[in-house]
């Protein structure tokens, strides 16, 4: 399984507007096809904030937890999933027409064996799973783009 998956979109809105959309965790279910709920714990979101999440893939619901590892307004936002160690990030880059937004999934320590087994057993195998992730990333970015450009 590759360590990095990535998708990018150009948005006709400034980084401050895109940041307002990306960093509003309560809105994540509007954008992500797998996120049912993302609840930050402890009030104000910042690096170090924990979240409790509910996800849905192929009709299966499962809870996760994550920790915000980067929170740089108008620049970058990232969270590490505690169950599998993956890091999901959003990078904002100012461009002439607005903002280039990149979503990445990194697996810095490789995929753990129980996760690989679950991917093979429940999610159609590694190739199917990664294809689904990239499709979901593109869907997420398209919805963030639409929200930021409103």
N, C-alpha and C. Protein backbone atom coordinates (compact mmCIF):
# COMPACT_ATOMS: atom_id res chain seq x y z
N UNK A 1 0.86 -1.18 0.00
CA UNK A 1 0.00 0.00 0.00
C UNK A 1 0.90 1.24 0.00
N UNK A 2 0.68 2.17 -0.94
CA UNK A 2 1.52 3.38 -0.95
C UNK A 2 1.34 4.18 0.33
N UNK A 3 2.38 4.89 0.68
CA UNK A 3 2.31 5.71 1.89
C UNK A 3 1.50 6.96 1.68
N UNK A 4 1.38 7.43 0.44
CA UNK A 4 0.71 8.70 0.20
C UNK A 4 -0.31 8.59 -0.92
N UNK A 5 -1.48 9.11 -0.67
CA UNK A 5 -2.50 9.33 -1.70
C UNK A 5 -2.80 10.82 -1.66
N UNK A 6 -3.12 11.41 -2.83
CA UNK A 6 -3.26 12.86 -2.87
C UNK A 6 -4.25 13.27 -3.95
N UNK A 7 -4.96 14.36 -3.68
CA UNK A 7 -5.86 14.97 -4.67
C UNK A 7 -5.79 16.48 -4.46
N UNK A 8 -5.96 17.23 -5.54
CA UNK A 8 -5.83 18.69 -5.49
C UNK A 8 -6.94 19.34 -6.29
N UNK A 9 -7.37 20.52 -5.83
CA UNK A 9 -8.37 21.31 -6.56
C UNK A 9 -8.01 22.79 -6.41
N UNK A 10 -8.29 23.56 -7.46
CA UNK A 10 -8.14 25.01 -7.39
C UNK A 10 -9.50 25.61 -7.09
N UNK A 11 -9.52 26.54 -6.13
CA UNK A 11 -10.76 27.13 -5.64
C UNK A 11 -10.71 28.64 -5.85
N UNK A 12 -11.78 29.18 -6.41
CA UNK A 12 -11.87 30.62 -6.67
C UNK A 12 -12.33 31.35 -5.41
N UNK A 13 -11.51 31.24 -4.37
CA UNK A 13 -11.75 31.92 -3.09
C UNK A 13 -10.40 32.00 -2.38
N UNK A 14 -10.24 33.03 -1.57
CA UNK A 14 -8.99 33.22 -0.85
C UNK A 14 -8.77 32.16 0.22
N UNK A 15 -7.51 32.00 0.65
CA UNK A 15 -7.19 31.01 1.69
C UNK A 15 -8.00 31.18 2.97
N UNK A 16 -8.34 32.42 3.34
CA UNK A 16 -9.12 32.62 4.56
C UNK A 16 -10.50 32.00 4.44
N UNK A 17 -11.13 32.12 3.28
CA UNK A 17 -12.45 31.53 3.06
C UNK A 17 -12.36 30.00 3.01
N UNK A 18 -11.36 29.49 2.31
CA UNK A 18 -11.18 28.03 2.23
C UNK A 18 -10.87 27.47 3.61
N UNK A 19 -10.04 28.16 4.37
CA UNK A 19 -9.71 27.72 5.73
C UNK A 19 -10.96 27.63 6.60
N UNK A 20 -11.83 28.62 6.48
CA UNK A 20 -13.06 28.63 7.28
C UNK A 20 -13.89 27.38 7.01
N UNK A 21 -13.88 26.91 5.79
CA UNK A 21 -14.65 25.71 5.43
C UNK A 21 -13.92 24.45 5.90
N UNK A 22 -12.64 24.33 5.57
CA UNK A 22 -11.86 23.13 5.88
C UNK A 22 -11.73 22.89 7.38
N UNK A 23 -11.55 23.94 8.14
CA UNK A 23 -11.29 23.78 9.58
C UNK A 23 -12.54 23.67 10.43
N UNK A 24 -13.71 23.75 9.82
CA UNK A 24 -14.98 23.60 10.55
C UNK A 24 -15.34 22.12 10.59
N UNK A 25 -14.87 21.44 11.62
CA UNK A 25 -15.01 19.98 11.69
C UNK A 25 -16.45 19.51 11.73
N UNK A 26 -17.34 20.33 12.25
CA UNK A 26 -18.76 19.95 12.27
C UNK A 26 -19.31 19.81 10.85
N UNK A 27 -18.68 20.46 9.88
CA UNK A 27 -19.14 20.40 8.49
C UNK A 27 -18.51 19.24 7.71
N UNK A 28 -17.53 18.55 8.28
CA UNK A 28 -16.85 17.48 7.55
C UNK A 28 -17.83 16.46 6.95
N UNK A 29 -18.92 16.09 7.63
CA UNK A 29 -19.86 15.15 7.01
C UNK A 29 -20.52 15.68 5.73
N UNK A 30 -20.60 17.00 5.58
CA UNK A 30 -21.13 17.58 4.33
C UNK A 30 -20.23 17.27 3.15
N UNK A 31 -18.95 17.15 3.40
CA UNK A 31 -17.97 17.05 2.33
C UNK A 31 -17.46 15.64 2.10
N UNK A 32 -17.14 14.93 3.15
CA UNK A 32 -16.53 13.60 3.04
C UNK A 32 -17.59 12.52 2.89
N UNK A 33 -17.45 11.65 1.89
CA UNK A 33 -18.43 10.58 1.72
C UNK A 33 -18.35 9.50 2.80
N UNK A 34 -17.28 9.49 3.59
CA UNK A 34 -17.15 8.47 4.64
C UNK A 34 -17.39 8.99 6.05
N UNK A 35 -17.37 10.31 6.23
CA UNK A 35 -17.51 10.87 7.58
C UNK A 35 -18.99 11.12 7.89
N UNK A 36 -19.47 10.46 8.92
CA UNK A 36 -20.84 10.66 9.39
C UNK A 36 -20.86 11.77 10.44
N UNK A 37 -19.84 11.78 11.28
CA UNK A 37 -19.73 12.80 12.33
C UNK A 37 -18.27 12.93 12.74
N UNK A 38 -17.86 14.16 13.05
CA UNK A 38 -16.52 14.43 13.58
C UNK A 38 -16.69 15.44 14.70
N UNK A 39 -16.43 14.99 15.92
CA UNK A 39 -16.70 15.82 17.10
C UNK A 39 -15.39 16.16 17.80
N UNK A 40 -15.01 17.45 17.78
CA UNK A 40 -13.82 17.84 18.54
C UNK A 40 -14.12 17.87 20.03
N UNK A 41 -13.17 17.44 20.83
CA UNK A 41 -13.34 17.42 22.28
C UNK A 41 -12.61 18.61 22.90
N UNK A 42 -13.25 19.27 23.84
CA UNK A 42 -12.58 20.31 24.60
C UNK A 42 -12.70 21.72 24.08
N UNK A 43 -13.67 21.99 23.23
CA UNK A 43 -13.88 23.38 22.82
C UNK A 43 -13.12 23.77 21.57
N UNK A 44 -12.30 24.81 21.68
CA UNK A 44 -11.59 25.38 20.54
C UNK A 44 -10.66 24.35 19.90
N UNK A 45 -10.72 24.27 18.58
CA UNK A 45 -9.87 23.33 17.84
C UNK A 45 -8.48 23.95 17.66
N UNK A 46 -7.45 23.16 17.98
CA UNK A 46 -6.06 23.57 17.83
C UNK A 46 -5.21 22.31 17.74
N UNK A 47 -3.93 22.46 17.45
CA UNK A 47 -3.04 21.31 17.45
C UNK A 47 -3.11 20.67 18.83
N UNK A 48 -3.34 19.38 18.87
CA UNK A 48 -3.49 18.66 20.13
C UNK A 48 -4.92 18.27 20.46
N UNK A 49 -5.89 18.91 19.81
CA UNK A 49 -7.30 18.58 20.04
C UNK A 49 -7.59 17.15 19.60
N UNK A 50 -8.34 16.42 20.40
CA UNK A 50 -8.80 15.08 20.06
C UNK A 50 -10.18 15.16 19.43
N UNK A 51 -10.48 14.24 18.54
CA UNK A 51 -11.82 14.15 17.97
C UNK A 51 -12.33 12.72 18.09
N UNK A 52 -13.64 12.61 18.20
CA UNK A 52 -14.33 11.32 18.14
C UNK A 52 -15.12 11.36 16.84
N UNK A 53 -15.01 10.29 16.06
CA UNK A 53 -15.58 10.29 14.72
C UNK A 53 -16.44 9.05 14.49
N UNK A 54 -17.40 9.20 13.60
CA UNK A 54 -18.17 8.05 13.13
C UNK A 54 -18.06 8.06 11.62
N UNK A 55 -17.63 6.93 11.07
CA UNK A 55 -17.43 6.79 9.63
C UNK A 55 -18.32 5.69 9.08
N UNK A 56 -18.52 5.74 7.76
CA UNK A 56 -19.32 4.72 7.09
C UNK A 56 -18.66 4.40 5.75
N UNK A 57 -18.38 3.12 5.55
CA UNK A 57 -17.82 2.65 4.29
C UNK A 57 -18.58 1.39 3.88
N UNK A 58 -19.10 1.40 2.65
CA UNK A 58 -19.82 0.24 2.12
C UNK A 58 -20.90 -0.26 3.07
N UNK A 59 -21.63 0.65 3.67
CA UNK A 59 -22.74 0.30 4.55
C UNK A 59 -22.33 -0.09 5.96
N UNK A 60 -21.03 -0.11 6.23
CA UNK A 60 -20.55 -0.47 7.57
C UNK A 60 -20.16 0.80 8.33
N UNK A 61 -20.69 0.94 9.52
CA UNK A 61 -20.35 2.06 10.39
C UNK A 61 -19.23 1.63 11.34
N UNK A 62 -18.31 2.57 11.61
CA UNK A 62 -17.27 2.26 12.59
C UNK A 62 -16.77 3.56 13.23
N UNK A 63 -16.51 3.51 14.54
CA UNK A 63 -16.02 4.70 15.25
C UNK A 63 -14.49 4.79 15.14
N UNK A 64 -13.99 6.01 15.18
CA UNK A 64 -12.55 6.25 15.23
C UNK A 64 -12.29 7.44 16.14
N UNK A 65 -11.04 7.61 16.48
CA UNK A 65 -10.60 8.80 17.19
C UNK A 65 -9.39 9.36 16.45
N UNK A 66 -9.20 10.65 16.58
CA UNK A 66 -8.03 11.26 15.94
C UNK A 66 -7.55 12.44 16.78
N UNK A 67 -6.36 12.88 16.45
CA UNK A 67 -5.77 14.03 17.14
C UNK A 67 -5.29 15.02 16.09
N UNK A 68 -5.63 16.28 16.28
CA UNK A 68 -5.17 17.32 15.37
C UNK A 68 -3.66 17.48 15.56
N UNK A 69 -2.90 17.30 14.48
CA UNK A 69 -1.44 17.40 14.58
C UNK A 69 -0.90 18.66 13.91
N UNK A 70 -1.72 19.32 13.11
CA UNK A 70 -1.35 20.60 12.49
C UNK A 70 -2.57 21.47 12.40
N UNK A 71 -2.42 22.71 12.85
CA UNK A 71 -3.53 23.67 12.79
C UNK A 71 -2.91 25.04 12.56
N UNK A 72 -2.67 25.35 11.30
CA UNK A 72 -2.03 26.61 10.92
C UNK A 72 -3.01 27.38 10.05
N UNK A 73 -3.73 28.34 10.63
CA UNK A 73 -4.78 29.05 9.89
C UNK A 73 -4.31 29.54 8.52
N UNK A 74 -5.18 29.28 7.55
CA UNK A 74 -4.99 29.68 6.15
C UNK A 74 -3.85 28.95 5.45
N UNK A 75 -3.27 27.92 6.11
CA UNK A 75 -2.13 27.21 5.53
C UNK A 75 -2.28 25.70 5.54
N UNK A 76 -2.50 25.12 6.72
CA UNK A 76 -2.49 23.66 6.81
C UNK A 76 -3.29 23.16 8.00
N UNK A 77 -3.92 22.01 7.79
CA UNK A 77 -4.71 21.35 8.82
C UNK A 77 -4.49 19.85 8.66
N UNK A 78 -4.20 19.14 9.75
CA UNK A 78 -3.98 17.70 9.64
C UNK A 78 -4.39 17.01 10.93
N UNK A 79 -4.85 15.76 10.78
CA UNK A 79 -5.17 14.94 11.94
C UNK A 79 -4.67 13.53 11.73
N UNK A 80 -4.23 12.91 12.83
CA UNK A 80 -3.72 11.54 12.81
C UNK A 80 -4.79 10.62 13.39
N UNK A 81 -5.12 9.59 12.63
CA UNK A 81 -6.08 8.59 13.08
C UNK A 81 -5.38 7.67 14.08
N UNK A 82 -5.95 7.53 15.26
CA UNK A 82 -5.32 6.74 16.30
C UNK A 82 -5.35 5.24 16.01
N UNK A 83 -6.38 4.79 15.33
CA UNK A 83 -6.53 3.35 15.10
C UNK A 83 -5.52 2.80 14.10
N UNK A 84 -5.16 3.59 13.08
CA UNK A 84 -4.28 3.06 12.05
C UNK A 84 -3.05 3.92 11.77
N UNK A 85 -2.91 5.04 12.46
CA UNK A 85 -1.73 5.88 12.31
C UNK A 85 -1.68 6.72 11.05
N UNK A 86 -2.72 6.66 10.22
CA UNK A 86 -2.71 7.48 9.01
C UNK A 86 -2.87 8.95 9.38
N UNK A 87 -2.30 9.80 8.55
CA UNK A 87 -2.42 11.25 8.73
C UNK A 87 -3.16 11.80 7.51
N UNK A 88 -4.26 12.46 7.78
CA UNK A 88 -5.05 13.14 6.74
C UNK A 88 -4.77 14.62 6.86
N UNK A 89 -4.43 15.24 5.73
CA UNK A 89 -4.07 16.66 5.79
C UNK A 89 -4.67 17.45 4.64
N UNK A 90 -4.81 18.73 4.90
CA UNK A 90 -5.26 19.70 3.90
C UNK A 90 -4.23 20.82 3.89
N UNK A 91 -3.68 21.09 2.71
CA UNK A 91 -2.72 22.18 2.55
C UNK A 91 -3.32 23.23 1.64
N UNK A 92 -3.23 24.48 2.06
CA UNK A 92 -3.77 25.60 1.30
C UNK A 92 -2.61 26.41 0.74
N UNK A 93 -2.66 26.66 -0.57
CA UNK A 93 -1.62 27.42 -1.24
C UNK A 93 -2.27 28.57 -1.99
N UNK A 94 -1.90 29.82 -1.68
CA UNK A 94 -2.46 30.94 -2.43
C UNK A 94 -2.00 30.87 -3.89
N UNK A 95 -2.93 31.06 -4.81
CA UNK A 95 -2.61 31.13 -6.23
C UNK A 95 -3.32 32.36 -6.79
N UNK A 96 -2.97 32.74 -8.01
CA UNK A 96 -3.54 33.96 -8.59
C UNK A 96 -5.06 33.95 -8.60
N UNK A 97 -5.65 32.79 -8.89
CA UNK A 97 -7.11 32.70 -9.00
C UNK A 97 -7.81 32.37 -7.68
N UNK A 98 -7.05 32.23 -6.59
CA UNK A 98 -7.67 31.91 -5.30
C UNK A 98 -6.78 31.05 -4.43
N UNK A 99 -7.16 29.77 -4.29
CA UNK A 99 -6.43 28.86 -3.41
C UNK A 99 -6.34 27.48 -4.04
N UNK A 100 -5.17 26.89 -3.97
CA UNK A 100 -5.01 25.48 -4.35
C UNK A 100 -5.09 24.67 -3.05
N UNK A 101 -6.04 23.76 -3.00
CA UNK A 101 -6.25 22.92 -1.82
C UNK A 101 -5.85 21.49 -2.15
N UNK A 102 -4.96 20.94 -1.34
CA UNK A 102 -4.51 19.57 -1.53
C UNK A 102 -4.89 18.74 -0.31
N UNK A 103 -5.53 17.61 -0.56
CA UNK A 103 -5.83 16.64 0.51
C UNK A 103 -4.88 15.47 0.33
N UNK A 104 -4.28 15.04 1.44
CA UNK A 104 -3.34 13.91 1.41
C UNK A 104 -3.69 12.90 2.49
N UNK A 105 -3.37 11.66 2.17
CA UNK A 105 -3.42 10.58 3.16
C UNK A 105 -2.02 9.98 3.20
N UNK A 106 -1.36 10.11 4.35
CA UNK A 106 -0.02 9.56 4.54
C UNK A 106 -0.09 8.42 5.54
N UNK A 107 0.76 7.42 5.32
CA UNK A 107 0.88 6.29 6.25
C UNK A 107 2.35 6.21 6.67
N UNK A 108 2.76 7.08 7.60
CA UNK A 108 4.18 7.20 7.92
C UNK A 108 4.84 5.93 8.44
N UNK A 109 4.10 5.08 9.10
CA UNK A 109 4.68 3.85 9.66
C UNK A 109 4.17 2.59 8.99
N UNK A 110 3.61 2.73 7.79
CA UNK A 110 3.06 1.58 7.09
C UNK A 110 1.72 1.16 7.66
N UNK A 111 1.04 0.32 6.93
CA UNK A 111 -0.28 -0.15 7.34
C UNK A 111 -0.13 -1.34 8.27
N UNK A 112 -0.75 -1.25 9.42
CA UNK A 112 -0.69 -2.32 10.41
C UNK A 112 -1.41 -3.57 9.90
N UNK A 113 -0.91 -4.72 10.31
CA UNK A 113 -1.45 -5.99 9.83
C UNK A 113 -2.96 -6.13 10.04
N UNK A 114 -3.51 -5.81 11.22
CA UNK A 114 -4.97 -5.95 11.39
C UNK A 114 -5.75 -5.07 10.41
N UNK A 115 -5.20 -3.90 10.10
CA UNK A 115 -5.86 -3.01 9.14
C UNK A 115 -5.80 -3.62 7.74
N UNK A 116 -4.66 -4.17 7.36
CA UNK A 116 -4.54 -4.83 6.04
C UNK A 116 -5.53 -5.98 5.92
N UNK A 117 -5.67 -6.74 6.98
CA UNK A 117 -6.62 -7.87 6.97
C UNK A 117 -8.04 -7.36 6.79
N UNK A 118 -8.40 -6.30 7.51
CA UNK A 118 -9.75 -5.72 7.39
C UNK A 118 -9.99 -5.18 5.98
N UNK A 119 -8.98 -4.54 5.40
CA UNK A 119 -9.11 -4.02 4.04
C UNK A 119 -9.37 -5.16 3.06
N UNK A 120 -8.63 -6.24 3.20
CA UNK A 120 -8.82 -7.39 2.31
C UNK A 120 -10.18 -8.05 2.52
N UNK A 121 -10.59 -8.18 3.77
CA UNK A 121 -11.82 -8.92 4.08
C UNK A 121 -13.09 -8.11 3.83
N UNK A 122 -13.08 -6.82 4.18
CA UNK A 122 -14.31 -6.04 4.15
C UNK A 122 -14.37 -4.94 3.08
N UNK A 123 -13.22 -4.53 2.55
CA UNK A 123 -13.20 -3.36 1.69
C UNK A 123 -12.72 -3.64 0.27
N UNK A 124 -12.73 -4.90 -0.13
CA UNK A 124 -12.43 -5.24 -1.51
C UNK A 124 -10.96 -5.33 -1.86
N UNK A 125 -10.09 -5.31 -0.87
CA UNK A 125 -8.66 -5.41 -1.13
C UNK A 125 -8.01 -4.04 -1.28
N UNK A 126 -6.69 -4.07 -1.27
CA UNK A 126 -5.90 -2.84 -1.26
C UNK A 126 -6.16 -1.94 -2.47
N UNK A 127 -6.14 -2.50 -3.67
CA UNK A 127 -6.33 -1.69 -4.87
C UNK A 127 -7.71 -1.03 -4.89
N UNK A 128 -8.74 -1.78 -4.58
CA UNK A 128 -10.09 -1.23 -4.54
C UNK A 128 -10.21 -0.16 -3.46
N UNK A 129 -9.67 -0.46 -2.29
CA UNK A 129 -9.74 0.47 -1.16
C UNK A 129 -9.06 1.79 -1.49
N UNK A 130 -7.86 1.73 -2.04
CA UNK A 130 -7.15 2.96 -2.38
C UNK A 130 -7.86 3.74 -3.48
N UNK A 131 -8.42 3.03 -4.45
CA UNK A 131 -9.22 3.70 -5.48
C UNK A 131 -10.41 4.42 -4.87
N UNK A 132 -11.06 3.75 -3.92
CA UNK A 132 -12.20 4.37 -3.23
C UNK A 132 -11.76 5.61 -2.43
N UNK A 133 -10.59 5.51 -1.80
CA UNK A 133 -10.08 6.66 -1.03
C UNK A 133 -9.83 7.86 -1.93
N UNK A 134 -9.17 7.64 -3.06
CA UNK A 134 -8.89 8.76 -3.98
C UNK A 134 -10.18 9.34 -4.54
N UNK A 135 -11.13 8.48 -4.89
CA UNK A 135 -12.43 8.97 -5.36
C UNK A 135 -13.11 9.80 -4.27
N UNK A 136 -13.04 9.34 -3.03
CA UNK A 136 -13.61 10.08 -1.91
C UNK A 136 -12.91 11.41 -1.68
N UNK A 137 -11.60 11.43 -1.86
CA UNK A 137 -10.84 12.67 -1.70
C UNK A 137 -11.28 13.69 -2.76
N UNK A 138 -11.43 13.23 -4.00
CA UNK A 138 -11.87 14.13 -5.06
C UNK A 138 -13.29 14.64 -4.82
N UNK A 139 -14.15 13.77 -4.32
CA UNK A 139 -15.52 14.19 -3.97
C UNK A 139 -15.50 15.22 -2.85
N UNK A 140 -14.69 14.96 -1.83
CA UNK A 140 -14.56 15.89 -0.71
C UNK A 140 -14.09 17.26 -1.19
N UNK A 141 -13.05 17.27 -2.01
CA UNK A 141 -12.51 18.54 -2.49
C UNK A 141 -13.51 19.29 -3.36
N UNK A 142 -14.26 18.58 -4.19
CA UNK A 142 -15.28 19.23 -5.03
C UNK A 142 -16.35 19.90 -4.16
N UNK A 143 -16.74 19.23 -3.08
CA UNK A 143 -17.76 19.80 -2.19
C UNK A 143 -17.20 20.98 -1.38
N UNK A 144 -15.96 20.89 -0.95
CA UNK A 144 -15.33 22.02 -0.26
C UNK A 144 -15.23 23.21 -1.21
N UNK A 145 -14.85 22.95 -2.45
CA UNK A 145 -14.75 24.00 -3.47
C UNK A 145 -16.10 24.70 -3.63
N UNK A 146 -17.16 23.91 -3.79
CA UNK A 146 -18.50 24.49 -3.96
C UNK A 146 -18.89 25.35 -2.76
N UNK A 147 -18.60 24.86 -1.56
CA UNK A 147 -18.96 25.61 -0.35
C UNK A 147 -18.14 26.90 -0.24
N UNK A 148 -16.87 26.84 -0.55
CA UNK A 148 -16.01 28.02 -0.42
C UNK A 148 -16.31 29.08 -1.48
N UNK A 149 -16.80 28.64 -2.64
CA UNK A 149 -17.08 29.57 -3.73
C UNK A 149 -18.48 30.18 -3.65
N UNK A 150 -19.30 29.74 -2.70
CA UNK A 150 -20.65 30.30 -2.55
C UNK A 150 -20.61 31.71 -2.06
